[in-house]
Structures are given as structure tokens and as C-alpha cells.
PDB file of N, CA and C in Angstrom:
ATOM      1  N   MET A   1       2.825 -13.206  -5.513  1.00  0.00           N
ATOM      2  CA  MET A   1       4.049 -12.938  -5.424  1.00  0.00           C
ATOM      3  C   MET A   1       4.668 -13.670  -3.902  1.00  0.00           C
ATOM      4  N   ARG A   2       3.989 -13.155  -2.773  1.00  0.00           N
ATOM      5  CA  ARG A   2       4.548 -13.670  -2.287  1.00  0.00           C
ATOM      6  C   ARG A   2       4.299 -15.292  -1.709  1.00  0.00           C
ATOM      7  N   GLN A   3       3.627 -15.830  -2.227  1.00  0.00           N
ATOM      8  CA  GLN A   3       3.131 -17.195  -1.917  1.00  0.00           C
ATOM      9  C   GLN A   3       4.444 -17.454  -3.069  1.00  0.00           C
ATOM     10  N   ALA A   4       4.758 -17.493  -4.480  1.00  0.00           N
ATOM     11  CA  ALA A   4       5.842 -17.982  -5.070  1.00  0.00           C
ATOM     12  C   ALA A   4       6.947 -17.732  -4.517  1.00  0.00           C
ATOM     13  N   VAL A   5       7.166 -16.515  -3.460  1.00  0.00           N
ATOM     14  CA  VAL A   5       8.354 -16.104  -2.863  1.00  0.00           C
ATOM     15  C   VAL A   5       8.775 -17.392  -1.807  1.00  0.00           C
ATOM     16  N   GLN A   6       7.555 -17.588  -1.156  1.00  0.00           N
ATOM     17  CA  GLN A   6       7.114 -18.256   0.115  1.00  0.00           C
ATOM     18  C   GLN A   6       7.648 -19.736  -0.305  1.00  0.00           C
ATOM     19  N   ARG A   7       7.325 -19.964  -1.267  1.00  0.00           N
ATOM     20  CA  ARG A   7       7.151 -21.576  -2.128  1.00  0.00           C
ATOM     21  C   ARG A   7       8.884 -21.675  -2.531  1.00  0.00           C
ATOM     22  N   ALA A   8       9.686 -20.851  -2.804  1.00  0.00           N
ATOM     23  CA  ALA A   8      10.618 -21.672  -3.303  1.00  0.00           C
ATOM     24  C   ALA A   8      11.573 -20.991  -2.285  1.00  0.00           C
ATOM     25  N   CYS A   9      11.400 -20.177  -1.572  1.00  0.00           N
ATOM     26  CA  CYS A   9      12.389 -20.833   0.010  1.00  0.00           C
ATOM     27  C   CYS A   9      12.546 -22.064   0.280  1.00  0.00           C
ATOM     28  N   ARG A  10      11.319 -22.278   1.062  1.00  0.00           N
ATOM     29  CA  ARG A  10      11.007 -23.558   1.175  1.00  0.00           C
ATOM     30  C   ARG A  10      11.378 -24.859   0.193  1.00  0.00           C
ATOM     31  N   LYS A  11      11.484 -24.693  -0.888  1.00  0.00           N
ATOM     32  CA  LYS A  11      11.826 -25.699  -2.051  1.00  0.00           C
ATOM     33  C   LYS A  11      13.525 -25.202  -1.797  1.00  0.00           C
ATOM     34  N   ASN A  12      14.032 -24.556  -1.650  1.00  0.00           N
ATOM     35  CA  ASN A  12      15.860 -24.757  -2.188  1.00  0.00           C
ATOM     36  C   ASN A  12      16.385 -24.562  -0.410  1.00  0.00           C
ATOM     37  N   GLU A  13      15.459 -24.860   0.510  1.00  0.00           N
ATOM     38  CA  GLU A  13      15.965 -24.201   1.699  1.00  0.00           C
ATOM     39  C   GLU A  13      16.789 -22.919   2.419  1.00  0.00           C
ATOM     40  N   ILE A  14      15.922 -22.263   1.763  1.00  0.00           N
ATOM     41  CA  ILE A  14      16.537 -20.912   2.450  1.00  0.00           C
ATOM     42  C   ILE A  14      15.389 -20.097   3.332  1.00  0.00           C
ATOM     43  N   PRO A  15      15.988 -19.378   3.745  1.00  0.00           N
ATOM     44  CA  PRO A  15      15.348 -18.301   5.273  1.00  0.00           C
ATOM     45  C   PRO A  15      14.026 -17.726   4.196  1.00  0.00           C
ATOM     46  N   GLU A  16      13.127 -17.949   4.872  1.00  0.00           N
ATOM     47  CA  GLU A  16      11.872 -17.104   3.764  1.00  0.00           C
ATOM     48  C   GLU A  16      12.446 -15.473   3.960  1.00  0.00           C
ATOM     49  N   TRP A  17      11.874 -14.950   3.562  1.00  0.00           N
ATOM     50  CA  TRP A  17      11.724 -13.533   3.342  1.00  0.00           C
ATOM     51  C   TRP A  17      10.217 -13.056   2.408  1.00  0.00           C
ATOM     52  N   PHE A  18       9.875 -11.818   2.558  1.00  0.00           N
ATOM     53  CA  PHE A  18       8.518 -11.388   1.802  1.00  0.00           C
ATOM     54  C   PHE A  18       8.993 -10.478   1.036  1.00  0.00           C
ATOM     55  N   PRO A  19       8.174 -10.212   0.254  1.00  0.00           N
ATOM     56  CA  PRO A  19       8.452  -9.250  -1.293  1.00  0.00           C
ATOM     57  C   PRO A  19       8.333  -7.657  -0.326  1.00  0.00           C
ATOM     58  N   TYR A  20       7.653  -7.778   0.102  1.00  0.00           N
ATOM     59  CA  TYR A  20       7.401  -6.076   1.275  1.00  0.00           C
ATOM     60  C   TYR A  20       8.774  -5.219   1.972  1.00  0.00           C
ATOM     61  N   GLN A  21       9.489  -6.701   2.336  1.00  0.00           N
ATOM     62  CA  GLN A  21      11.138  -6.651   2.763  1.00  0.00           C
ATOM     63  C   GLN A  21      11.213  -5.885   1.953  1.00  0.00           C
ATOM     64  N   ILE A  22      11.884  -5.582   0.618  1.00  0.00           N
ATOM     65  CA  ILE A  22      12.291  -4.565  -0.269  1.00  0.00           C
ATOM     66  C   ILE A  22      12.217  -3.568  -0.741  1.00  0.00           C
ATOM     67  N   LYS A  23      10.952  -2.761   0.055  1.00  0.00           N
ATOM     68  CA  LYS A  23      10.221  -1.840  -0.503  1.00  0.00           C
ATOM     69  C   LYS A  23      10.912  -0.931   1.036  1.00  0.00           C
ATOM     70  N   HIS A  24      10.781  -1.740   2.188  1.00  0.00           N
ATOM     71  CA  HIS A  24      11.498  -1.357   3.512  1.00  0.00           C
ATOM     72  C   HIS A  24      12.497  -0.820   3.502  1.00  0.00           C
ATOM     73  N   THR A  25      13.125  -2.479   3.371  1.00  0.00           N
ATOM     74  CA  THR A  25      14.698  -2.015   3.433  1.00  0.00           C
ATOM     75  C   THR A  25      15.567  -0.666   2.616  1.00  0.00           C
ATOM     76  N   PHE A  26      15.044  -0.377   1.195  1.00  0.00           N
ATOM     77  CA  PHE A  26      14.901   0.694   0.118  1.00  0.00           C
ATOM     78  C   PHE A  26      14.658   2.021   1.126  1.00  0.00           C
ATOM     79  N   ALA A  27      13.456   2.180   2.100  1.00  0.00           N
ATOM     80  CA  ALA A  27      13.283   3.229   2.257  1.00  0.00           C
ATOM     81  C   ALA A  27      13.714   3.291   3.463  1.00  0.00           C
ATOM     82  N   THR A  28      14.538   2.146   4.539  1.00  0.00           N
ATOM     83  CA  THR A  28      15.268   2.476   5.495  1.00  0.00           C
ATOM     84  C   THR A  28      16.765   2.631   4.828  1.00  0.00           C
ATOM     85  N   GLU A  29      17.623   2.341   3.951  1.00  0.00           N
ATOM     86  CA  GLU A  29      18.666   2.836   3.457  1.00  0.00           C
ATOM     87  C   GLU A  29      18.178   4.362   2.784  1.00  0.00           C
ATOM     88  N   VAL A  30      17.481   4.980   2.048  1.00  0.00           N
ATOM     89  CA  VAL A  30      17.598   5.900   1.683  1.00  0.00           C
ATOM     90  C   VAL A  30      17.809   7.077   3.209  1.00  0.00           C
ATOM     91  N   ARG A  31      16.403   6.946   4.014  1.00  0.00           N
ATOM     92  CA  ARG A  31      16.024   8.004   4.838  1.00  0.00           C
ATOM     93  C   ARG A  31      17.562   8.444   5.454  1.00  0.00           C
ATOM     94  N   PRO A  32      18.420   7.931   5.715  1.00  0.00           N
ATOM     95  CA  PRO A  32      19.503   8.631   6.791  1.00  0.00           C
ATOM     96  C   PRO A  32      20.082   9.037   5.885  1.00  0.00           C
ATOM     97  N   LYS A  33      20.094   9.247   4.191  1.00  0.00           N
ATOM     98  CA  LYS A  33      21.424   9.575   3.427  1.00  0.00           C
ATOM     99  C   LYS A  33      20.376  10.970   2.545  1.00  0.00           C
ATOM    100  N   HIS A  34      19.204  10.530   2.466  1.00  0.00           N
ATOM    101  CA  HIS A  34      18.604  11.540   1.674  1.00  0.00           C
ATOM    102  C   HIS A  34      17.096  12.451   2.941  1.00  0.00           C
ATOM    103  N   GLY A  35      16.971  12.117   3.648  1.00  0.00           N
ATOM    104  CA  GLY A  35      15.489  12.939   4.227  1.00  0.00           C
ATOM    105  C   GLY A  35      14.951  11.927   3.961  1.00  0.00           C
ATOM    106  N   LEU A  36      13.452  12.199   4.933  1.00  0.00           N
ATOM    107  CA  LEU A  36      12.228  11.312   4.964  1.00  0.00           C
ATOM    108  C   LEU A  36      11.426  12.013   3.410  1.00  0.00           C
ATOM    109  N   ASP A  37      11.321  13.325   3.449  1.00  0.00           N
ATOM    110  CA  ASP A  37      10.880  13.480   2.209  1.00  0.00           C
ATOM    111  C   ASP A  37      11.282  13.264   0.703  1.00  0.00           C
ATOM    112  N   VAL A  38      12.649  13.076   0.804  1.00  0.00           N
ATOM    113  CA  VAL A  38      12.834  12.088  -0.553  1.00  0.00           C
ATOM    114  C   VAL A  38      12.208  10.373  -0.491  1.00  0.00           C
ATOM    115  N   VAL A  39      12.173  10.069   0.589  1.00  0.00           N
ATOM    116  CA  VAL A  39      11.400   8.782   0.285  1.00  0.00           C
ATOM    117  C   VAL A  39       9.912   8.644   0.183  1.00  0.00           C
ATOM    118  N   GLN A  40       9.276   9.835   0.745  1.00  0.00           N
ATOM    119  CA  GLN A  40       8.006   9.759   0.556  1.00  0.00           C
ATOM    120  C   GLN A  40       7.824  10.105  -1.065  1.00  0.00           C
ATOM    121  N   ALA A  41       8.512  11.167  -1.712  1.00  0.00           N
ATOM    122  CA  ALA A  41       8.556  11.044  -2.781  1.00  0.00           C
ATOM    123  C   ALA A  41       8.776   9.856  -4.244  1.00  0.00           C
ATOM    124  N   LEU A  42      10.282   9.014  -4.131  1.00  0.00           N
ATOM    125  CA  LEU A  42      10.316   7.872  -4.125  1.00  0.00           C
ATOM    126  C   LEU A  42       9.162   7.098  -3.614  1.00  0.00           C
ATOM    127  N   MET A  43       8.852   6.749  -2.878  1.00  0.00           N
ATOM    128  CA  MET A  43       8.038   5.771  -3.017  1.00  0.00           C
ATOM    129  C   MET A  43       6.566   6.341  -3.176  1.00  0.00           C
ATOM    130  N   GLY A  44       6.232   7.164  -3.782  1.00  0.00           N
ATOM    131  CA  GLY A  44       5.215   7.848  -4.252  1.00  0.00           C
ATOM    132  C   GLY A  44       3.790   7.852  -3.042  1.00  0.00           C
ATOM    133  N   HIS A  45       4.558   7.988  -1.657  1.00  0.00           N
ATOM    134  CA  HIS A  45       3.219   8.463  -0.795  1.00  0.00           C
ATOM    135  C   HIS A  45       3.247   9.365  -0.694  1.00  0.00           C
ATOM    136  N   LYS A  46       1.512  10.101  -0.745  1.00  0.00           N
ATOM    137  CA  LYS A  46       1.166  10.929  -0.513  1.00  0.00           C
ATOM    138  C   LYS A  46       1.178  11.809   1.164  1.00  0.00           C
ATOM    139  N   SER A  47       1.079  10.790   2.297  1.00  0.00           N
ATOM    140  CA  SER A  47       1.666  10.933   3.658  1.00  0.00           C
ATOM    141  C   SER A  47       2.504  11.098   3.759  1.00  0.00           C
ATOM    142  N   SER A  48       3.675  11.322   4.752  1.00  0.00           N
ATOM    143  CA  SER A  48       5.052  11.319   5.240  1.00  0.00           C
ATOM    144  C   SER A  48       4.738   9.853   6.266  1.00  0.00           C
ATOM    145  N   VAL A  49       3.359  10.119   6.974  1.00  0.00           N
ATOM    146  CA  VAL A  49       3.315   9.341   8.311  1.00  0.00           C
ATOM    147  C   VAL A  49       3.486   7.921   7.526  1.00  0.00           C
ATOM    148  N   VAL A  50       2.570   7.135   6.332  1.00  0.00           N
ATOM    149  CA  VAL A  50       3.203   5.937   5.634  1.00  0.00           C
ATOM    150  C   VAL A  50       5.016   5.515   5.171  1.00  0.00           C
ATOM    151  N   SER A  51       5.526   6.870   5.158  1.00  0.00           N
ATOM    152  CA  SER A  51       6.576   6.908   4.570  1.00  0.00           C
ATOM    153  C   SER A  51       7.334   6.402   5.935  1.00  0.00           C
ATOM    154  N   GLN A  52       7.350   7.387   7.135  1.00  0.00           N
ATOM    155  CA  GLN A  52       7.828   6.940   8.256  1.00  0.00           C
ATOM    156  C   GLN A  52       7.654   5.461   8.515  1.00  0.00           C
ATOM    157  N   VAL A  53       6.054   5.076   8.418  1.00  0.00           N
ATOM    158  CA  VAL A  53       6.441   3.075   8.875  1.00  0.00           C
ATOM    159  C   VAL A  53       7.205   2.396   7.634  1.00  0.00           C
ATOM    160  N   ASN A  54       7.147   2.900   6.684  1.00  0.00           N
ATOM    161  CA  ASN A  54       8.248   2.055   5.638  1.00  0.00           C
ATOM    162  C   ASN A  54       9.747   1.972   6.161  1.00  0.00           C
ATOM    163  N   ALA A  55       9.908   3.277   6.585  1.00  0.00           N
ATOM    164  CA  ALA A  55      11.327   4.042   6.830  1.00  0.00           C
ATOM    165  C   ALA A  55      11.949   3.992   8.041  1.00  0.00           C
ATOM    166  N   TYR A  56      12.216   2.658   8.605  1.00  0.00           N
ATOM    167  CA  TYR A  56      12.707   1.840   9.911  1.00  0.00           C
ATOM    168  C   TYR A  56      13.245   3.842  10.489  1.00  0.00           C
ATOM    169  N   VAL A  57      13.173   4.288  11.504  1.00  0.00           N
ATOM    170  CA  VAL A  57      14.818   4.871  12.020  1.00  0.00           C
ATOM    171  C   VAL A  57      15.611   4.242  12.968  1.00  0.00           C
ATOM    172  N   ASN A  58      16.617   4.819  12.151  1.00  0.00           N
ATOM    173  CA  ASN A  58      17.761   4.437  12.724  1.00  0.00           C
ATOM    174  C   ASN A  58      18.206   5.123  14.287  1.00  0.00           C
ATOM    175  N   LEU A  59      17.713   3.820  14.908  1.00  0.00           N
ATOM    176  CA  LEU A  59      18.169   4.063  16.241  1.00  0.00           C
ATOM    177  C   LEU A  59      19.739   4.539  16.379  1.00  0.00           C
ATOM    178  N   LYS A  60      20.419   3.845  16.296  1.00  0.00           N
ATOM    179  CA  LYS A  60      21.762   4.083  16.711  1.00  0.00           C
ATOM    180  C   LYS A  60      22.537   5.542  16.154  1.00  0.00           C
ATOM    181  N   MET A  61      21.570   5.704  14.902  1.00  0.00           N
ATOM    182  CA  MET A  61      22.350   7.260  14.562  1.00  0.00           C
ATOM    183  C   MET A  61      21.511   7.977  15.183  1.00  0.00           C
ATOM    184  N   ALA A  62      20.459   7.825  15.997  1.00  0.00           N
ATOM    185  CA  ALA A  62      20.213   8.131  16.675  1.00  0.00           C
ATOM    186  C   ALA A  62      20.560   8.996  17.639  1.00  0.00           C
ATOM    187  N   ALA A  63      20.811   7.465  17.886  1.00  0.00           N
ATOM    188  CA  ALA A  63      21.591   7.971  19.724  1.00  0.00           C
ATOM    189  C   ALA A  63      23.218   8.496  19.855  1.00  0.00           C
ATOM    190  N   THR A  64      23.990   8.277  18.610  1.00  0.00           N
ATOM    191  CA  THR A  64      25.044   9.219  18.070  1.00  0.00           C
ATOM    192  C   THR A  64      25.105  10.463  17.948  1.00  0.00           C
ATOM    193  N   VAL A  65      23.836  10.860  17.458  1.00  0.00           N
ATOM    194  CA  VAL A  65      23.502  12.788  17.315  1.00  0.00           C
ATOM    195  C   VAL A  65      23.351  12.925  18.882  1.00  0.00           C
ATOM    196  N   ALA A  66      22.525  12.000  19.663  1.00  0.00           N
ATOM    197  CA  ALA A  66      22.153  13.034  20.911  1.00  0.00           C
ATOM    198  C   ALA A  66      23.514  12.634  22.161  1.00  0.00           C
ATOM    199  N   PHE A  67      24.385  12.110  21.516  1.00  0.00           N
ATOM    200  CA  PHE A  67      25.334  11.612  22.545  1.00  0.00           C
ATOM    201  C   PHE A  67      26.311  13.239  22.315  1.00  0.00           C
ATOM    202  N   LYS A  68      26.330  13.043  20.977  1.00  0.00           N
ATOM    203  CA  LYS A  68      27.148  14.543  20.860  1.00  0.00           C
ATOM    204  C   LYS A  68      26.529  15.618  20.956  1.00  0.00           C
ATOM    205  N   ILE A  69      25.122  16.398  20.940  1.00  0.00           N
ATOM    206  CA  ILE A  69      24.122  17.584  20.981  1.00  0.00           C
ATOM    207  C   ILE A  69      23.984  17.289  22.396  1.00  0.00           C
ATOM    208  N   GLY A  70      24.588  16.190  23.281  1.00  0.00           N
ATOM    209  CA  GLY A  70      24.459  15.934  24.954  1.00  0.00           C
ATOM    210  C   GLY A  70      23.452  16.079  25.635  1.00  0.00           C
TER     211      GLY A  70
END
């Protein structure tokens, strides 16, 4: 599937992207709203370590919380 997406991007002269980016985006959007446990359940991961890799940490949100805490 990755190759088909890349070929289509090149053919249509649009920026290339990769199918795995869809799951990363999904996990990254779910994590701040619902937590890592929900990401783990929705993604079907047996280990939260895998979920952490897929759901990027929202550094802006972390900085905001750190500022509020002091």
C-alpha cells in the first residue's frame, strides 16, 4: 500500500506521505483528550510502550501545564 500511495503522490505532484502517518495522527489526537490507556485499547496494543511510540507527546500542552504548576 505504501508504494501505491507514493506512486500516486508522485504522479499527481503532491507531497508524499506514508500510510503509517494515519495511525500516528489518530493516536496523537486521541491521547491528550482521552489518555494513553484509551490509545492502547483503540490501537489494539498489548503494551503501552508501543502506544507511546505511536502517540507523540504534545510538548506544547506539557509546557503549559508545567507553567501552571510552577
